[in-house]
Amino acid sequence: MNLTLHCGRPEDTSGRLPKEIRVYDLLDRLGIHYDRVDHEAAMNMEVCRAIDEALQATICKNLFLCNRQKTQFYLLMIPDNKVFRTKELSAQIGSARLSFADAEYMEKYLDITPGSVSVMGLMNDTGHHVRLLVDEEVLQGEFVGCHPCINTSSIRLRTKDVFEIFVPYTGHDFTAVRLLQA
């Protein structure tokens, strides 16, 4: 698999979804530098590791969660070496009975589909229905890797730019959490 790191948006955007192009448009407008790797949808850990190696960034597992009543929604960013334990996270954020949210809410609030979950989806959450939760280890890395709302590309951004420029621009804030390693 040839994974080439490109600087910025693709020169030819034909065949790319509008939601992906909107991510590049916003990052460019905000003056946020990013590098990109195009790839097939990663269906196994071997492919994920190859993408991680090409990006040289903290690659996050992005989990879309909700409470039992499906009235509160969360986007959790954790390093790939950590695991989500409901009890551990629930105690830190004061929301019991967390579980994975249905894809319909992911599409409704973030305009993304399963396998493409990313902090970039917050740009589509204009009603601020989703609360961002970030493991403190993610915040310590120099770079963050994520999808541009589609799982056939991955981008690398400076962590500082994500949390000091992008997230505030969306009108969201974030809660730092601490999860244990697997």
N, C-alpha and C. Protein backbone atom coordinates (compact mmCIF):
# COMPACT_ATOMS: atom_id res chain seq x y z
N MET A 1 0.85 -1.17 0.00
CA MET A 1 0.00 0.00 0.00
C MET A 1 0.90 1.24 0.00
N ASN A 2 0.66 2.13 -0.94
CA ASN A 2 1.42 3.36 -1.05
C ASN A 2 0.68 4.48 -0.33
N LEU A 3 1.19 4.90 0.80
CA LEU A 3 0.57 5.98 1.56
C LEU A 3 1.49 7.20 1.52
N THR A 4 1.14 8.14 0.69
CA THR A 4 1.94 9.34 0.52
C THR A 4 1.33 10.49 1.31
N LEU A 5 2.17 11.18 2.05
CA LEU A 5 1.73 12.33 2.83
C LEU A 5 1.75 13.56 1.92
N HIS A 6 0.59 14.19 1.77
CA HIS A 6 0.44 15.38 0.95
C HIS A 6 0.20 16.59 1.85
N CYS A 7 0.68 17.73 1.42
CA CYS A 7 0.45 18.96 2.15
C CYS A 7 -0.87 19.57 1.70
N GLY A 8 -1.81 19.70 2.62
CA GLY A 8 -3.08 20.37 2.34
C GLY A 8 -4.07 19.59 1.51
N ARG A 9 -5.00 20.34 0.91
CA ARG A 9 -6.13 19.76 0.17
C ARG A 9 -5.67 19.09 -1.11
N PRO A 10 -6.50 18.15 -1.61
CA PRO A 10 -6.17 17.52 -2.89
C PRO A 10 -6.31 18.54 -4.03
N GLU A 11 -5.42 18.44 -5.02
CA GLU A 11 -5.51 19.34 -6.17
C GLU A 11 -6.77 19.07 -6.97
N ASP A 12 -7.09 17.80 -7.13
CA ASP A 12 -8.29 17.41 -7.88
C ASP A 12 -9.33 16.91 -6.87
N THR A 13 -10.43 17.62 -6.76
CA THR A 13 -11.46 17.25 -5.79
C THR A 13 -12.62 16.49 -6.42
N SER A 14 -12.50 16.15 -7.69
CA SER A 14 -13.59 15.39 -8.32
C SER A 14 -13.69 14.02 -7.66
N GLY A 15 -14.91 13.58 -7.46
CA GLY A 15 -15.15 12.30 -6.82
C GLY A 15 -15.11 12.33 -5.30
N ARG A 16 -14.82 13.46 -4.73
CA ARG A 16 -14.79 13.58 -3.26
C ARG A 16 -16.12 14.15 -2.78
N LEU A 17 -16.53 13.73 -1.62
CA LEU A 17 -17.81 14.18 -1.08
C LEU A 17 -17.74 15.63 -0.63
N PRO A 18 -18.85 16.36 -0.77
CA PRO A 18 -18.87 17.77 -0.34
C PRO A 18 -18.49 17.95 1.12
N LYS A 19 -18.85 17.01 1.99
CA LYS A 19 -18.51 17.18 3.41
C LYS A 19 -17.00 17.13 3.64
N GLU A 20 -16.28 16.37 2.84
CA GLU A 20 -14.82 16.34 2.94
C GLU A 20 -14.24 17.68 2.47
N ILE A 21 -14.73 18.19 1.38
CA ILE A 21 -14.24 19.46 0.83
C ILE A 21 -14.54 20.60 1.80
N ARG A 22 -15.68 20.55 2.48
CA ARG A 22 -16.02 21.58 3.47
C ARG A 22 -14.99 21.60 4.61
N VAL A 23 -14.47 20.43 4.99
CA VAL A 23 -13.43 20.39 6.03
C VAL A 23 -12.20 21.13 5.55
N TYR A 24 -11.73 20.82 4.33
CA TYR A 24 -10.55 21.49 3.80
C TYR A 24 -10.79 23.00 3.67
N ASP A 25 -11.98 23.38 3.20
CA ASP A 25 -12.30 24.80 3.06
C ASP A 25 -12.20 25.51 4.40
N LEU A 26 -12.76 24.90 5.45
CA LEU A 26 -12.73 25.53 6.76
C LEU A 26 -11.31 25.61 7.32
N LEU A 27 -10.56 24.52 7.22
CA LEU A 27 -9.19 24.54 7.72
C LEU A 27 -8.37 25.60 7.00
N ASP A 28 -8.54 25.71 5.69
CA ASP A 28 -7.82 26.73 4.93
C ASP A 28 -8.24 28.13 5.37
N ARG A 29 -9.54 28.35 5.55
CA ARG A 29 -10.05 29.65 5.97
C ARG A 29 -9.52 30.04 7.35
N LEU A 30 -9.38 29.05 8.23
CA LEU A 30 -8.88 29.31 9.59
C LEU A 30 -7.35 29.41 9.64
N GLY A 31 -6.70 29.14 8.52
CA GLY A 31 -5.24 29.20 8.48
C GLY A 31 -4.57 28.05 9.21
N ILE A 32 -5.25 26.92 9.28
CA ILE A 32 -4.70 25.75 9.97
C ILE A 32 -4.00 24.87 8.93
N HIS A 33 -2.71 24.63 9.15
CA HIS A 33 -1.94 23.75 8.27
C HIS A 33 -2.32 22.30 8.57
N TYR A 34 -2.41 21.51 7.51
CA TYR A 34 -2.70 20.09 7.67
C TYR A 34 -2.03 19.31 6.55
N ASP A 35 -1.70 18.07 6.86
CA ASP A 35 -1.17 17.14 5.88
C ASP A 35 -2.20 16.03 5.73
N ARG A 36 -2.20 15.40 4.57
CA ARG A 36 -3.25 14.44 4.23
C ARG A 36 -2.67 13.17 3.63
N VAL A 37 -3.29 12.06 3.97
CA VAL A 37 -3.00 10.76 3.36
C VAL A 37 -4.32 10.22 2.83
N ASP A 38 -4.34 9.86 1.55
CA ASP A 38 -5.52 9.22 0.97
C ASP A 38 -5.31 7.72 1.00
N HIS A 39 -6.38 6.99 1.25
CA HIS A 39 -6.27 5.54 1.41
C HIS A 39 -7.65 4.90 1.23
N GLU A 40 -7.67 3.59 1.15
CA GLU A 40 -8.94 2.89 1.16
C GLU A 40 -9.44 2.86 2.60
N ALA A 41 -10.72 2.66 2.76
CA ALA A 41 -11.28 2.55 4.11
C ALA A 41 -10.53 1.45 4.86
N ALA A 42 -10.05 1.78 6.04
CA ALA A 42 -9.27 0.83 6.84
C ALA A 42 -10.20 -0.18 7.48
N MET A 43 -10.05 -1.43 7.08
CA MET A 43 -10.92 -2.48 7.59
C MET A 43 -10.21 -3.43 8.56
N ASN A 44 -8.91 -3.19 8.80
CA ASN A 44 -8.20 -4.02 9.77
C ASN A 44 -7.08 -3.20 10.41
N MET A 45 -6.54 -3.71 11.49
CA MET A 45 -5.54 -2.97 12.27
C MET A 45 -4.23 -2.79 11.50
N GLU A 46 -3.90 -3.72 10.62
CA GLU A 46 -2.68 -3.60 9.83
C GLU A 46 -2.72 -2.34 8.96
N VAL A 47 -3.85 -2.09 8.33
CA VAL A 47 -4.01 -0.90 7.49
C VAL A 47 -4.00 0.35 8.38
N CYS A 48 -4.67 0.29 9.51
CA CYS A 48 -4.68 1.43 10.44
C CYS A 48 -3.27 1.78 10.88
N ARG A 49 -2.46 0.79 11.20
CA ARG A 49 -1.09 1.04 11.64
C ARG A 49 -0.27 1.68 10.52
N ALA A 50 -0.49 1.25 9.29
CA ALA A 50 0.24 1.83 8.15
C ALA A 50 -0.13 3.31 7.98
N ILE A 51 -1.40 3.63 8.15
CA ILE A 51 -1.86 5.02 8.05
C ILE A 51 -1.26 5.83 9.20
N ASP A 52 -1.26 5.27 10.40
CA ASP A 52 -0.68 5.93 11.57
C ASP A 52 0.80 6.26 11.32
N GLU A 53 1.51 5.29 10.76
CA GLU A 53 2.94 5.47 10.50
C GLU A 53 3.16 6.59 9.47
N ALA A 54 2.33 6.64 8.46
CA ALA A 54 2.46 7.69 7.44
C ALA A 54 2.19 9.07 8.02
N LEU A 55 1.22 9.17 8.93
CA LEU A 55 0.86 10.47 9.50
C LEU A 55 1.82 10.94 10.59
N GLN A 56 2.42 10.01 11.33
CA GLN A 56 3.29 10.36 12.45
C GLN A 56 2.58 11.32 13.41
N ALA A 57 1.40 10.90 13.87
CA ALA A 57 0.59 11.72 14.78
C ALA A 57 -0.08 10.81 15.80
N THR A 58 -0.62 11.42 16.86
CA THR A 58 -1.43 10.66 17.80
C THR A 58 -2.73 10.33 17.09
N ILE A 59 -2.92 9.06 16.82
CA ILE A 59 -4.12 8.64 16.12
C ILE A 59 -5.17 8.32 17.19
N CYS A 60 -6.30 8.93 17.04
CA CYS A 60 -7.35 8.79 18.05
C CYS A 60 -8.41 7.79 17.62
N LYS A 61 -8.89 7.08 18.63
CA LYS A 61 -10.17 6.39 18.45
C LYS A 61 -11.19 7.45 18.79
N ASN A 62 -12.14 7.63 17.91
CA ASN A 62 -13.19 8.62 18.11
C ASN A 62 -14.49 7.86 18.30
N LEU A 63 -15.07 7.98 19.47
CA LEU A 63 -16.27 7.23 19.81
C LEU A 63 -17.43 8.19 19.98
N PHE A 64 -18.55 7.85 19.37
CA PHE A 64 -19.75 8.67 19.49
C PHE A 64 -20.68 7.98 20.48
N LEU A 65 -20.92 8.64 21.60
CA LEU A 65 -21.63 8.04 22.73
C LEU A 65 -22.88 8.84 23.08
N CYS A 66 -23.73 8.21 23.88
CA CYS A 66 -24.91 8.91 24.39
C CYS A 66 -25.30 8.33 25.75
N ASN A 67 -26.16 9.08 26.44
CA ASN A 67 -26.70 8.55 27.69
C ASN A 67 -27.85 7.60 27.35
N ARG A 68 -28.37 6.94 28.35
CA ARG A 68 -29.42 5.93 28.14
C ARG A 68 -30.68 6.52 27.51
N GLN A 69 -31.01 7.74 27.88
CA GLN A 69 -32.22 8.39 27.37
C GLN A 69 -32.04 8.96 25.96
N LYS A 70 -30.80 8.93 25.46
CA LYS A 70 -30.46 9.50 24.15
C LYS A 70 -30.80 10.98 24.07
N THR A 71 -30.47 11.68 25.17
CA THR A 71 -30.69 13.12 25.23
C THR A 71 -29.38 13.89 25.32
N GLN A 72 -28.29 13.19 25.64
CA GLN A 72 -26.98 13.81 25.72
C GLN A 72 -26.02 12.99 24.86
N PHE A 73 -25.24 13.71 24.03
CA PHE A 73 -24.34 13.02 23.09
C PHE A 73 -22.92 13.51 23.31
N TYR A 74 -21.97 12.59 23.11
CA TYR A 74 -20.57 12.86 23.39
C TYR A 74 -19.70 12.33 22.26
N LEU A 75 -18.66 13.08 21.94
CA LEU A 75 -17.62 12.62 21.04
C LEU A 75 -16.38 12.46 21.90
N LEU A 76 -15.90 11.23 22.04
CA LEU A 76 -14.76 10.92 22.88
C LEU A 76 -13.54 10.64 22.01
N MET A 77 -12.47 11.40 22.25
CA MET A 77 -11.19 11.19 21.56
C MET A 77 -10.22 10.55 22.53
N ILE A 78 -9.78 9.33 22.21
CA ILE A 78 -8.81 8.65 23.07
C ILE A 78 -7.71 8.05 22.19
N PRO A 79 -6.49 7.94 22.73
CA PRO A 79 -5.42 7.29 21.97
C PRO A 79 -5.78 5.84 21.71
N ASP A 80 -5.22 5.28 20.66
CA ASP A 80 -5.58 3.91 20.30
C ASP A 80 -5.11 2.86 21.29
N ASN A 81 -4.27 3.25 22.27
CA ASN A 81 -3.81 2.29 23.28
C ASN A 81 -4.68 2.29 24.54
N LYS A 82 -5.75 3.05 24.51
CA LYS A 82 -6.65 3.11 25.67
C LYS A 82 -8.01 2.53 25.30
N VAL A 83 -8.76 2.16 26.34
CA VAL A 83 -10.08 1.58 26.10
C VAL A 83 -11.15 2.40 26.81
N PHE A 84 -12.32 2.36 26.24
CA PHE A 84 -13.48 3.05 26.81
C PHE A 84 -14.15 2.11 27.79
N ARG A 85 -14.20 2.54 29.05
CA ARG A 85 -14.93 1.81 30.08
C ARG A 85 -16.01 2.75 30.60
N THR A 86 -17.25 2.32 30.44
CA THR A 86 -18.39 3.16 30.77
C THR A 86 -18.29 3.73 32.18
N LYS A 87 -18.06 2.89 33.15
CA LYS A 87 -18.03 3.32 34.55
C LYS A 87 -16.96 4.39 34.78
N GLU A 88 -15.79 4.16 34.23
CA GLU A 88 -14.65 5.07 34.40
C GLU A 88 -14.97 6.46 33.84
N LEU A 89 -15.53 6.50 32.65
CA LEU A 89 -15.83 7.79 32.01
C LEU A 89 -17.06 8.45 32.64
N SER A 90 -18.07 7.67 32.91
CA SER A 90 -19.31 8.21 33.49
C SER A 90 -19.04 8.98 34.78
N ALA A 91 -18.17 8.45 35.62
CA ALA A 91 -17.85 9.10 36.90
C ALA A 91 -17.18 10.46 36.67
N GLN A 92 -16.39 10.57 35.61
CA GLN A 92 -15.67 11.82 35.35
C GLN A 92 -16.55 12.92 34.77
N ILE A 93 -17.60 12.53 34.05
CA ILE A 93 -18.42 13.56 33.39
C ILE A 93 -19.81 13.68 33.99
N GLY A 94 -20.13 12.85 34.97
CA GLY A 94 -21.43 12.95 35.64
C GLY A 94 -22.60 12.53 34.78
N SER A 95 -22.40 11.52 33.96
CA SER A 95 -23.48 11.01 33.11
C SER A 95 -23.45 9.49 33.16
N ALA A 96 -24.45 8.93 33.75
CA ALA A 96 -24.50 7.47 33.91
C ALA A 96 -24.96 6.77 32.65
N ARG A 97 -24.61 5.52 32.58
CA ARG A 97 -25.08 4.61 31.53
C ARG A 97 -24.77 5.08 30.11
N LEU A 98 -23.51 5.34 29.87
CA LEU A 98 -23.09 5.71 28.52
C LEU A 98 -23.03 4.48 27.63
N SER A 99 -23.38 4.67 26.38
CA SER A 99 -23.26 3.59 25.40
C SER A 99 -23.01 4.22 24.04
N PHE A 100 -22.77 3.38 23.06
CA PHE A 100 -22.55 3.88 21.72
C PHE A 100 -23.87 4.40 21.16
N ALA A 101 -23.82 5.58 20.57
CA ALA A 101 -25.03 6.19 20.01
C ALA A 101 -25.33 5.59 18.64
N ASP A 102 -26.57 5.61 18.27
CA ASP A 102 -27.00 5.09 16.98
C ASP A 102 -26.45 5.96 15.85
N ALA A 103 -26.22 5.33 14.71
CA ALA A 103 -25.68 6.02 13.54
C ALA A 103 -26.58 7.18 13.10
N GLU A 104 -27.87 7.07 13.31
CA GLU A 104 -28.78 8.14 12.87
C GLU A 104 -28.46 9.46 13.57
N TYR A 105 -28.05 9.41 14.85
CA TYR A 105 -27.70 10.63 15.58
C TYR A 105 -26.34 11.18 15.10
N MET A 106 -25.45 10.27 14.79
CA MET A 106 -24.14 10.66 14.27
C MET A 106 -24.30 11.45 12.97
N GLU A 107 -25.16 10.95 12.11
CA GLU A 107 -25.43 11.64 10.84
C GLU A 107 -26.20 12.93 11.07
N LYS A 108 -27.16 12.90 11.97
CA LYS A 108 -27.99 14.07 12.23
C LYS A 108 -27.17 15.24 12.79
N TYR A 109 -26.31 14.96 13.76
CA TYR A 109 -25.59 16.03 14.44
C TYR A 109 -24.21 16.34 13.85
N LEU A 110 -23.50 15.32 13.36
CA LEU A 110 -22.13 15.53 12.89
C LEU A 110 -21.97 15.39 11.38
N ASP A 111 -23.01 14.93 10.68
CA ASP A 111 -22.95 14.67 9.24
C ASP A 111 -21.82 13.71 8.89
N ILE A 112 -21.68 12.66 9.70
CA ILE A 112 -20.69 11.63 9.43
C ILE A 112 -21.33 10.27 9.62
N THR A 113 -20.70 9.26 9.06
CA THR A 113 -21.21 7.90 9.14
C THR A 113 -20.23 7.05 9.95
N PRO A 114 -20.67 5.89 10.44
CA PRO A 114 -19.77 5.02 11.20
C PRO A 114 -18.49 4.75 10.40
N GLY A 115 -17.37 4.76 11.12
CA GLY A 115 -16.07 4.57 10.49
C GLY A 115 -15.41 5.88 10.10
N SER A 116 -16.16 6.97 10.16
CA SER A 116 -15.63 8.29 9.79
C SER A 116 -15.69 9.28 10.95
N VAL A 117 -15.97 8.81 12.14
CA VAL A 117 -16.15 9.69 13.29
C VAL A 117 -14.87 10.49 13.50
N SER A 118 -15.04 11.79 13.70
CA SER A 118 -13.89 12.69 13.79
C SER A 118 -14.28 13.99 14.47
N VAL A 119 -13.31 14.61 15.12
CA VAL A 119 -13.52 15.92 15.70
C VAL A 119 -13.94 16.93 14.64
N MET A 120 -13.58 16.70 13.39
CA MET A 120 -13.96 17.61 12.31
C MET A 120 -15.48 17.68 12.15
N GLY A 121 -16.19 16.65 12.56
CA GLY A 121 -17.65 16.64 12.49
C GLY A 121 -18.30 17.73 13.33
N LEU A 122 -17.57 18.26 14.32
CA LEU A 122 -18.14 19.33 15.16
C LEU A 122 -18.48 20.57 14.36
N MET A 123 -17.85 20.75 13.20
CA MET A 123 -18.17 21.91 12.37
C MET A 123 -19.61 21.84 11.86
N ASN A 124 -20.20 20.64 11.86
CA ASN A 124 -21.57 20.45 11.40
C ASN A 124 -22.58 20.49 12.53
N ASP A 125 -22.11 20.51 13.76
CA ASP A 125 -22.99 20.52 14.93
C ASP A 125 -23.29 21.95 15.36
N THR A 126 -24.02 22.67 14.53
CA THR A 126 -24.30 24.08 14.80
C THR A 126 -25.25 24.26 15.98
N GLY A 127 -26.00 23.22 16.33
CA GLY A 127 -26.90 23.30 17.49
C GLY A 127 -26.24 22.91 18.79
N HIS A 128 -24.95 22.54 18.73
CA HIS A 128 -24.17 22.16 19.91
C HIS A 128 -24.84 21.05 20.72
N HIS A 129 -25.19 20.00 20.03
CA HIS A 129 -25.81 18.83 20.66
C HIS A 129 -24.77 17.86 21.21
N VAL A 130 -23.53 17.99 20.75
CA VAL A 130 -22.48 17.02 21.09
C VAL A 130 -21.43 17.68 21.97
N ARG A 131 -21.10 17.01 23.06
CA ARG A 131 -20.06 17.48 23.99
C ARG A 131 -18.77 16.73 23.68
N LEU A 132 -17.69 17.47 23.52
CA LEU A 132 -16.39 16.88 23.19
C LEU A 132 -15.65 16.49 24.46
N LEU A 133 -15.22 15.23 24.52
CA LEU A 133 -14.43 14.70 25.62
C LEU A 133 -13.08 14.26 25.04
N VAL A 134 -12.00 14.66 25.66
CA VAL A 134 -10.67 14.38 25.12
C VAL A 134 -9.78 13.81 26.22
N ASP A 135 -9.22 12.63 25.96
CA ASP A 135 -8.28 12.07 26.91
C ASP A 135 -7.06 12.98 27.00
N GLU A 136 -6.57 13.22 28.21
CA GLU A 136 -5.48 14.16 28.41
C GLU A 136 -4.21 13.78 27.64
N GLU A 137 -4.04 12.50 27.35
CA GLU A 137 -2.87 12.07 26.58
C GLU A 137 -2.92 12.62 25.15
N VAL A 138 -4.11 12.74 24.58
CA VAL A 138 -4.26 13.32 23.24
C VAL A 138 -3.78 14.77 23.26
N LEU A 139 -4.11 15.48 24.31
CA LEU A 139 -3.75 16.90 24.42
C LEU A 139 -2.25 17.11 24.56
N GLN A 140 -1.53 16.09 24.97
CA GLN A 140 -0.08 16.21 25.18
C GLN A 140 0.73 15.99 23.91
N GLY A 141 0.12 15.37 22.89
CA GLY A 141 0.85 15.11 21.65
C GLY A 141 1.00 16.36 20.80
N GLU A 142 2.01 16.38 19.94
CA GLU A 142 2.22 17.53 19.06
C GLU A 142 1.20 17.57 17.93
N PHE A 143 0.85 16.37 17.41
CA PHE A 143 -0.08 16.27 16.30
C PHE A 143 -1.23 15.34 16.63
N VAL A 144 -2.35 15.57 15.97
CA VAL A 144 -3.52 14.69 16.06
C VAL A 144 -3.85 14.25 14.64
N GLY A 145 -4.19 12.99 14.51
CA GLY A 145 -4.65 12.46 13.22
C GLY A 145 -6.13 12.17 13.30
N CYS A 146 -6.85 12.50 12.23
CA CYS A 146 -8.29 12.22 12.20
C CYS A 146 -8.77 12.19 10.76
N HIS A 147 -10.01 11.82 10.57
CA HIS A 147 -10.62 11.82 9.25
C HIS A 147 -11.25 13.18 8.94
N PRO A 148 -11.24 13.59 7.68
CA PRO A 148 -11.95 14.81 7.28
C PRO A 148 -13.41 14.50 6.96
N CYS A 149 -14.09 13.87 7.93
CA CYS A 149 -15.51 13.49 7.83
C CYS A 149 -15.77 12.40 6.80
N ILE A 150 -14.72 11.73 6.35
CA ILE A 150 -14.84 10.61 5.43
C ILE A 150 -13.66 9.68 5.71
N ASN A 151 -13.88 8.36 5.63
CA ASN A 151 -12.83 7.44 6.07
C ASN A 151 -11.89 6.96 4.97
N THR A 152 -11.83 7.67 3.86
CA THR A 152 -10.88 7.32 2.80
C THR A 152 -9.73 8.33 2.73
N SER A 153 -9.65 9.21 3.70
CA SER A 153 -8.53 10.13 3.87
C SER A 153 -8.32 10.32 5.36
N SER A 154 -7.10 10.64 5.72
CA SER A 154 -6.78 10.99 7.09
C SER A 154 -5.92 12.24 7.05
N ILE A 155 -6.09 13.09 8.05
CA ILE A 155 -5.31 14.33 8.10
C ILE A 155 -4.56 14.44 9.41
N ARG A 156 -3.44 15.15 9.34
CA ARG A 156 -2.61 15.42 10.52
C ARG A 156 -2.64 16.92 10.76
N LEU A 157 -2.97 17.30 11.99
CA LEU A 157 -3.04 18.71 12.38
C LEU A 157 -2.26 18.89 13.68
N ARG A 158 -1.79 20.08 13.92
CA ARG A 158 -1.17 20.36 15.22
C ARG A 158 -2.27 20.31 16.29
N THR A 159 -2.00 19.63 17.36
CA THR A 159 -2.96 19.51 18.46
C THR A 159 -3.40 20.89 18.93
N LYS A 160 -2.44 21.79 19.04
CA LYS A 160 -2.72 23.15 19.47
C LYS A 160 -3.74 23.82 18.54
N ASP A 161 -3.60 23.63 17.24
CA ASP A 161 -4.53 24.23 16.28
C ASP A 161 -5.94 23.66 16.41
N VAL A 162 -6.02 22.36 16.68
CA VAL A 162 -7.34 21.72 16.83
C VAL A 162 -8.08 22.31 18.02
N PHE A 163 -7.37 22.40 19.17
CA PHE A 163 -8.05 22.78 20.40
C PHE A 163 -8.03 24.28 20.71
N GLU A 164 -7.18 25.03 20.05
CA GLU A 164 -7.14 26.47 20.29
C GLU A 164 -7.77 27.28 19.15
N ILE A 165 -7.92 26.67 17.98
CA ILE A 165 -8.51 27.40 16.84
C ILE A 165 -9.78 26.71 16.35
N PHE A 166 -9.66 25.44 15.92
CA PHE A 166 -10.78 24.75 15.31
C PHE A 166 -11.96 24.57 16.26
N VAL A 167 -11.72 23.94 17.41
CA VAL A 167 -12.82 23.66 18.34
C VAL A 167 -13.50 24.95 18.80
N PRO A 168 -12.75 25.98 19.22
CA PRO A 168 -13.44 27.23 19.58
C PRO A 168 -14.24 27.83 18.41
N TYR A 169 -13.72 27.72 17.19
CA TYR A 169 -14.45 28.25 16.04
C TYR A 169 -15.82 27.59 15.91
N THR A 170 -15.91 26.30 16.22
CA THR A 170 -17.18 25.59 16.10
C THR A 170 -18.16 25.98 17.21
N GLY A 171 -17.67 26.71 18.22
CA GLY A 171 -18.53 27.09 19.34
C GLY A 171 -18.59 26.03 20.42
N HIS A 172 -17.78 25.01 20.30
CA HIS A 172 -17.72 23.96 21.31
C HIS A 172 -16.55 24.24 22.25
N ASP A 173 -16.58 23.59 23.39
CA ASP A 173 -15.40 23.53 24.23
C ASP A 173 -15.16 22.05 24.45
N PHE A 174 -14.26 21.70 25.31
CA PHE A 174 -14.01 20.28 25.54
C PHE A 174 -13.73 20.04 27.01
N THR A 175 -13.92 18.79 27.39
CA THR A 175 -13.65 18.34 28.75
C THR A 175 -12.51 17.34 28.67
N ALA A 176 -11.43 17.60 29.40
CA ALA A 176 -10.32 16.65 29.45
C ALA A 176 -10.69 15.53 30.43
N VAL A 177 -10.45 14.29 30.01
CA VAL A 177 -10.71 13.13 30.84
C VAL A 177 -9.45 12.27 30.89
N ARG A 178 -9.44 11.33 31.81
CA ARG A 178 -8.29 10.42 31.93
C ARG A 178 -8.81 8.99 31.92
N LEU A 179 -8.46 8.27 30.85
CA LEU A 179 -8.83 6.86 30.76
C LEU A 179 -7.60 6.00 30.89
N LEU A 180 -7.80 4.78 31.35
CA LEU A 180 -6.68 3.86 31.56
C LEU A 180 -6.29 3.15 30.28
N GLN A 181 -5.04 2.71 30.24
CA GLN A 181 -4.58 1.97 29.08
C GLN A 181 -5.19 0.58 29.07
N ALA A 182 -5.23 0.00 27.87
CA ALA A 182 -5.83 -1.33 27.70
C ALA A 182 -5.07 -2.38 28.46
